[in-house]
Amino acid sequence: MRRQLRQVLEGAGIKAVTPHMFRRTVATAVNANAGTELASEMLGHTDTRSRGSTTFSAARW
């Protein structure tokens, strides 16, 4: 997964993005457009009400 993501990002001219950053960005977009429950479900959480200490928010960088 990491190698494929790196190849796609390099092809698009994007650098310094990790799979975790990509995952959080997608989760944030899903949360903003479809809600926390769907975002948690897509991330594979068994309890969609619980996301641990992770919050969906705009990127800080």
PDB file of N, CA and C in Angstrom:
ATOM      1  N   MET A   1       0.827  -1.190   0.000  1.00  0.00           N
ATOM      2  CA  MET A   1       0.000   0.000   0.000  1.00  0.00           C
ATOM      3  C   MET A   1       0.870   1.252   0.000  1.00  0.00           C
ATOM      4  N   ARG A   2       1.866   1.253   0.858  1.00  0.00           N
ATOM      5  CA  ARG A   2       2.721   2.445   0.970  1.00  0.00           C
ATOM      6  C   ARG A   2       3.422   2.735  -0.356  1.00  0.00           C
ATOM      7  N   ARG A   3       3.922   1.688  -1.019  1.00  0.00           N
ATOM      8  CA  ARG A   3       4.640   1.872  -2.282  1.00  0.00           C
ATOM      9  C   ARG A   3       3.696   2.401  -3.361  1.00  0.00           C
ATOM     10  N   GLN A   4       2.489   1.843  -3.443  1.00  0.00           N
ATOM     11  CA  GLN A   4       1.523   2.295  -4.435  1.00  0.00           C
ATOM     12  C   GLN A   4       1.133   3.753  -4.197  1.00  0.00           C
ATOM     13  N   LEU A   5       0.874   4.097  -2.955  1.00  0.00           N
ATOM     14  CA  LEU A   5       0.519   5.477  -2.629  1.00  0.00           C
ATOM     15  C   LEU A   5       1.658   6.414  -3.008  1.00  0.00           C
ATOM     16  N   ARG A   6       2.880   6.036  -2.675  1.00  0.00           N
ATOM     17  CA  ARG A   6       4.038   6.874  -3.002  1.00  0.00           C
ATOM     18  C   ARG A   6       4.142   7.096  -4.508  1.00  0.00           C
ATOM     19  N   GLN A   7       3.930   6.043  -5.301  1.00  0.00           N
ATOM     20  CA  GLN A   7       4.015   6.162  -6.756  1.00  0.00           C
ATOM     21  C   GLN A   7       2.948   7.113  -7.302  1.00  0.00           C
ATOM     22  N   VAL A   8       1.731   6.987  -6.814  1.00  0.00           N
ATOM     23  CA  VAL A   8       0.643   7.851  -7.271  1.00  0.00           C
ATOM     24  C   VAL A   8       0.922   9.300  -6.886  1.00  0.00           C
ATOM     25  N   LEU A   9       1.341   9.519  -5.653  1.00  0.00           N
ATOM     26  CA  LEU A   9       1.604  10.885  -5.189  1.00  0.00           C
ATOM     27  C   LEU A   9       2.769  11.511  -5.936  1.00  0.00           C
ATOM     28  N   GLU A  10       3.838  10.745  -6.167  1.00  0.00           N
ATOM     29  CA  GLU A  10       4.981  11.282  -6.914  1.00  0.00           C
ATOM     30  C   GLU A  10       4.574  11.624  -8.334  1.00  0.00           C
ATOM     31  N   GLY A  11       3.729  10.780  -8.943  1.00  0.00           N
ATOM     32  CA  GLY A  11       3.238  11.054 -10.289  1.00  0.00           C
ATOM     33  C   GLY A  11       2.419  12.333 -10.357  1.00  0.00           C
ATOM     34  N   ALA A  12       1.771  12.678  -9.247  1.00  0.00           N
ATOM     35  CA  ALA A  12       0.970  13.893  -9.180  1.00  0.00           C
ATOM     36  C   ALA A  12       1.781  15.092  -8.684  1.00  0.00           C
ATOM     37  N   GLY A  13       3.058  14.859  -8.367  1.00  0.00           N
ATOM     38  CA  GLY A  13       3.902  15.949  -7.888  1.00  0.00           C
ATOM     39  C   GLY A  13       3.690  16.297  -6.428  1.00  0.00           C
ATOM     40  N   ILE A  14       3.131  15.361  -5.656  1.00  0.00           N
ATOM     41  CA  ILE A  14       2.869  15.592  -4.233  1.00  0.00           C
ATOM     42  C   ILE A  14       3.909  14.830  -3.426  1.00  0.00           C
ATOM     43  N   LYS A  15       4.530  15.514  -2.457  1.00  0.00           N
ATOM     44  CA  LYS A  15       5.555  14.877  -1.635  1.00  0.00           C
ATOM     45  C   LYS A  15       5.175  14.938  -0.165  1.00  0.00           C
ATOM     46  N   ALA A  16       5.818  14.123   0.627  1.00  0.00           N
ATOM     47  CA  ALA A  16       5.711  14.135   2.091  1.00  0.00           C
ATOM     48  C   ALA A  16       4.306  13.827   2.603  1.00  0.00           C
ATOM     49  N   VAL A  17       3.652  12.842   1.994  1.00  0.00           N
ATOM     50  CA  VAL A  17       2.354  12.392   2.481  1.00  0.00           C
ATOM     51  C   VAL A  17       2.477  10.920   2.847  1.00  0.00           C
ATOM     52  N   THR A  18       2.136  10.582   4.081  1.00  0.00           N
ATOM     53  CA  THR A  18       2.199   9.188   4.529  1.00  0.00           C
ATOM     54  C   THR A  18       0.823   8.541   4.386  1.00  0.00           C
ATOM     55  N   PRO A  19       0.759   7.219   4.399  1.00  0.00           N
ATOM     56  CA  PRO A  19      -0.546   6.552   4.366  1.00  0.00           C
ATOM     57  C   PRO A  19      -1.460   7.004   5.508  1.00  0.00           C
ATOM     58  N   HIS A  20      -0.881   7.251   6.676  1.00  0.00           N
ATOM     59  CA  HIS A  20      -1.687   7.695   7.813  1.00  0.00           C
ATOM     60  C   HIS A  20      -2.284   9.077   7.549  1.00  0.00           C
ATOM     61  N   MET A  21      -1.498   9.971   6.990  1.00  0.00           N
ATOM     62  CA  MET A  21      -2.004  11.304   6.658  1.00  0.00           C
ATOM     63  C   MET A  21      -3.124  11.199   5.629  1.00  0.00           C
ATOM     64  N   PHE A  22      -2.942  10.325   4.639  1.00  0.00           N
ATOM     65  CA  PHE A  22      -3.958  10.127   3.613  1.00  0.00           C
ATOM     66  C   PHE A  22      -5.240   9.578   4.234  1.00  0.00           C
ATOM     67  N   ARG A  23      -5.095   8.602   5.116  1.00  0.00           N
ATOM     68  CA  ARG A  23      -6.250   7.999   5.808  1.00  0.00           C
ATOM     69  C   ARG A  23      -7.030   9.055   6.594  1.00  0.00           C
ATOM     70  N   ARG A  24      -6.322   9.895   7.321  1.00  0.00           N
ATOM     71  CA  ARG A  24      -6.986  10.925   8.128  1.00  0.00           C
ATOM     72  C   ARG A  24      -7.662  11.969   7.251  1.00  0.00           C
ATOM     73  N   THR A  25      -7.041  12.308   6.126  1.00  0.00           N
ATOM     74  CA  THR A  25      -7.641  13.272   5.208  1.00  0.00           C
ATOM     75  C   THR A  25      -8.944  12.741   4.637  1.00  0.00           C
ATOM     76  N   VAL A  26      -8.937  11.481   4.221  1.00  0.00           N
ATOM     77  CA  VAL A  26     -10.156  10.871   3.690  1.00  0.00           C
ATOM     78  C   VAL A  26     -11.220  10.799   4.786  1.00  0.00           C
ATOM     79  N   ALA A  27     -10.832  10.402   5.983  1.00  0.00           N
ATOM     80  CA  ALA A  27     -11.782  10.323   7.098  1.00  0.00           C
ATOM     81  C   ALA A  27     -12.388  11.685   7.399  1.00  0.00           C
ATOM     82  N   THR A  28     -11.590  12.736   7.330  1.00  0.00           N
ATOM     83  CA  THR A  28     -12.080  14.084   7.578  1.00  0.00           C
ATOM     84  C   THR A  28     -13.092  14.489   6.517  1.00  0.00           C
ATOM     85  N   ALA A  29     -12.794  14.171   5.253  1.00  0.00           N
ATOM     86  CA  ALA A  29     -13.717  14.509   4.163  1.00  0.00           C
ATOM     87  C   ALA A  29     -15.029  13.740   4.303  1.00  0.00           C
ATOM     88  N   VAL A  30     -14.949  12.465   4.611  1.00  0.00           N
ATOM     89  CA  VAL A  30     -16.161  11.660   4.791  1.00  0.00           C
ATOM     90  C   VAL A  30     -16.961  12.181   5.976  1.00  0.00           C
ATOM     91  N   ASN A  31     -16.279  12.475   7.064  1.00  0.00           N
ATOM     92  CA  ASN A  31     -16.954  12.996   8.252  1.00  0.00           C
ATOM     93  C   ASN A  31     -17.682  14.307   7.944  1.00  0.00           C
ATOM     94  N   ALA A  32     -17.047  15.186   7.214  1.00  0.00           N
ATOM     95  CA  ALA A  32     -17.639  16.489   6.896  1.00  0.00           C
ATOM     96  C   ALA A  32     -18.854  16.360   5.982  1.00  0.00           C
ATOM     97  N   ASN A  33     -18.832  15.366   5.103  1.00  0.00           N
ATOM     98  CA  ASN A  33     -19.894  15.245   4.108  1.00  0.00           C
ATOM     99  C   ASN A  33     -20.946  14.198   4.429  1.00  0.00           C
ATOM    100  N   ALA A  34     -20.602  13.186   5.232  1.00  0.00           N
ATOM    101  CA  ALA A  34     -21.545  12.093   5.475  1.00  0.00           C
ATOM    102  C   ALA A  34     -21.711  11.746   6.946  1.00  0.00           C
ATOM    103  N   GLY A  35     -20.881  12.309   7.806  1.00  0.00           N
ATOM    104  CA  GLY A  35     -21.038  12.090   9.240  1.00  0.00           C
ATOM    105  C   GLY A  35     -20.000  11.178   9.855  1.00  0.00           C
ATOM    106  N   THR A  36     -19.880  11.309  11.154  1.00  0.00           N
ATOM    107  CA  THR A  36     -18.881  10.575  11.925  1.00  0.00           C
ATOM    108  C   THR A  36     -19.108   9.072  11.891  1.00  0.00           C
ATOM    109  N   GLU A  37     -20.365   8.648  11.921  1.00  0.00           N
ATOM    110  CA  GLU A  37     -20.644   7.215  11.946  1.00  0.00           C
ATOM    111  C   GLU A  37     -20.104   6.528  10.694  1.00  0.00           C
ATOM    112  N   LEU A  38     -20.340   7.094   9.513  1.00  0.00           N
ATOM    113  CA  LEU A  38     -19.833   6.497   8.278  1.00  0.00           C
ATOM    114  C   LEU A  38     -18.307   6.553   8.243  1.00  0.00           C
ATOM    115  N   ALA A  39     -17.730   7.663   8.675  1.00  0.00           N
ATOM    116  CA  ALA A  39     -16.269   7.778   8.681  1.00  0.00           C
ATOM    117  C   ALA A  39     -15.654   6.707   9.571  1.00  0.00           C
ATOM    118  N   SER A  40     -16.206   6.512  10.755  1.00  0.00           N
ATOM    119  CA  SER A  40     -15.695   5.490  11.670  1.00  0.00           C
ATOM    120  C   SER A  40     -15.853   4.096  11.081  1.00  0.00           C
ATOM    121  N   GLU A  41     -16.999   3.853  10.447  1.00  0.00           N
ATOM    122  CA  GLU A  41     -17.230   2.554   9.824  1.00  0.00           C
ATOM    123  C   GLU A  41     -16.235   2.284   8.700  1.00  0.00           C
ATOM    124  N   MET A  42     -15.970   3.300   7.876  1.00  0.00           N
ATOM    125  CA  MET A  42     -15.018   3.142   6.770  1.00  0.00           C
ATOM    126  C   MET A  42     -13.597   2.904   7.274  1.00  0.00           C
ATOM    127  N   LEU A  43     -13.278   3.433   8.451  1.00  0.00           N
ATOM    128  CA  LEU A  43     -11.950   3.226   9.021  1.00  0.00           C
ATOM    129  C   LEU A  43     -11.817   1.845   9.654  1.00  0.00           C
ATOM    130  N   GLY A  44     -12.931   1.126   9.758  1.00  0.00           N
ATOM    131  CA  GLY A  44     -12.887  -0.225  10.295  1.00  0.00           C
ATOM    132  C   GLY A  44     -13.076  -0.326  11.784  1.00  0.00           C
ATOM    133  N   HIS A  45     -13.564   0.732  12.415  1.00  0.00           N
ATOM    134  CA  HIS A  45     -13.805   0.685  13.847  1.00  0.00           C
ATOM    135  C   HIS A  45     -14.997  -0.222  14.131  1.00  0.00           C
ATOM    136  N   THR A  46     -14.887  -1.081  15.127  1.00  0.00           N
ATOM    137  CA  THR A  46     -15.982  -1.983  15.458  1.00  0.00           C
ATOM    138  C   THR A  46     -17.139  -1.234  16.099  1.00  0.00           C
ATOM    139  N   ASP A  47     -16.854  -0.199  16.848  1.00  0.00           N
ATOM    140  CA  ASP A  47     -17.892   0.626  17.453  1.00  0.00           C
ATOM    141  C   ASP A  47     -17.798   1.997  16.795  1.00  0.00           C
ATOM    142  N   THR A  48     -18.774   2.310  15.957  1.00  0.00           N
ATOM    143  CA  THR A  48     -18.700   3.557  15.196  1.00  0.00           C
ATOM    144  C   THR A  48     -18.803   4.799  16.069  1.00  0.00           C
ATOM    145  N   ARG A  49     -19.178   4.634  17.320  1.00  0.00           N
ATOM    146  CA  ARG A  49     -19.243   5.794  18.224  1.00  0.00           C
ATOM    147  C   ARG A  49     -17.893   6.085  18.857  1.00  0.00           C
ATOM    148  N   SER A  50     -16.970   5.152  18.768  1.00  0.00           N
ATOM    149  CA  SER A  50     -15.682   5.304  19.438  1.00  0.00           C
ATOM    150  C   SER A  50     -14.562   5.414  18.419  1.00  0.00           C
ATOM    151  N   ARG A  51     -13.803   6.496  18.498  1.00  0.00           N
ATOM    152  CA  ARG A  51     -12.661   6.694  17.614  1.00  0.00           C
ATOM    153  C   ARG A  51     -11.385   6.901  18.406  1.00  0.00           C
ATOM    154  N   GLY A  52     -11.386   6.538  19.667  1.00  0.00           N
ATOM    155  CA  GLY A  52     -10.197   6.743  20.477  1.00  0.00           C
ATOM    156  C   GLY A  52      -9.907   8.211  20.636  1.00  0.00           C
ATOM    157  N   SER A  53      -8.632   8.578  20.633  1.00  0.00           N
ATOM    158  CA  SER A  53      -8.269   9.984  20.806  1.00  0.00           C
ATOM    159  C   SER A  53      -8.196  10.720  19.477  1.00  0.00           C
ATOM    160  N   THR A  54      -8.415  10.009  18.362  1.00  0.00           N
ATOM    161  CA  THR A  54      -8.348  10.639  17.047  1.00  0.00           C
ATOM    162  C   THR A  54      -9.584  11.470  16.799  1.00  0.00           C
ATOM    163  N   THR A  55      -9.376  12.667  16.327  1.00  0.00           N
ATOM    164  CA  THR A  55     -10.505  13.509  15.953  1.00  0.00           C
ATOM    165  C   THR A  55     -10.395  13.835  14.486  1.00  0.00           C
ATOM    166  N   PHE A  56     -11.521  14.003  13.845  1.00  0.00           N
ATOM    167  CA  PHE A  56     -11.536  14.398  12.449  1.00  0.00           C
ATOM    168  C   PHE A  56     -11.509  15.914  12.416  1.00  0.00           C
ATOM    169  N   SER A  57     -10.467  16.461  11.874  1.00  0.00           N
ATOM    170  CA  SER A  57     -10.361  17.910  11.805  1.00  0.00           C
ATOM    171  C   SER A  57      -9.516  18.289  10.584  1.00  0.00           C
ATOM    172  N   ALA A  58      -9.539  19.546  10.251  1.00  0.00           N
ATOM    173  CA  ALA A  58      -8.752  20.022   9.111  1.00  0.00           C
ATOM    174  C   ALA A  58      -7.269  19.806   9.381  1.00  0.00           C
ATOM    175  N   ALA A  59      -6.556  19.534   8.330  1.00  0.00           N
ATOM    176  CA  ALA A  59      -5.115  19.320   8.465  1.00  0.00           C
ATOM    177  C   ALA A  59      -4.446  20.573   9.032  1.00  0.00           C
ATOM    178  N   ARG A  60      -3.415  20.359   9.825  1.00  0.00           N
ATOM    179  CA  ARG A  60      -2.705  21.487  10.458  1.00  0.00           C
ATOM    180  C   ARG A  60      -1.530  21.948   9.620  1.00  0.00           C
ATOM    181  N   TRP A  61      -1.249  21.291   8.525  1.00  0.00           N
ATOM    182  CA  TRP A  61      -0.086  21.672   7.736  1.00  0.00           C
ATOM    183  C   TRP A  61      -0.459  22.111   6.391  1.00  0.00           C
TER     184      TRP A  61
END
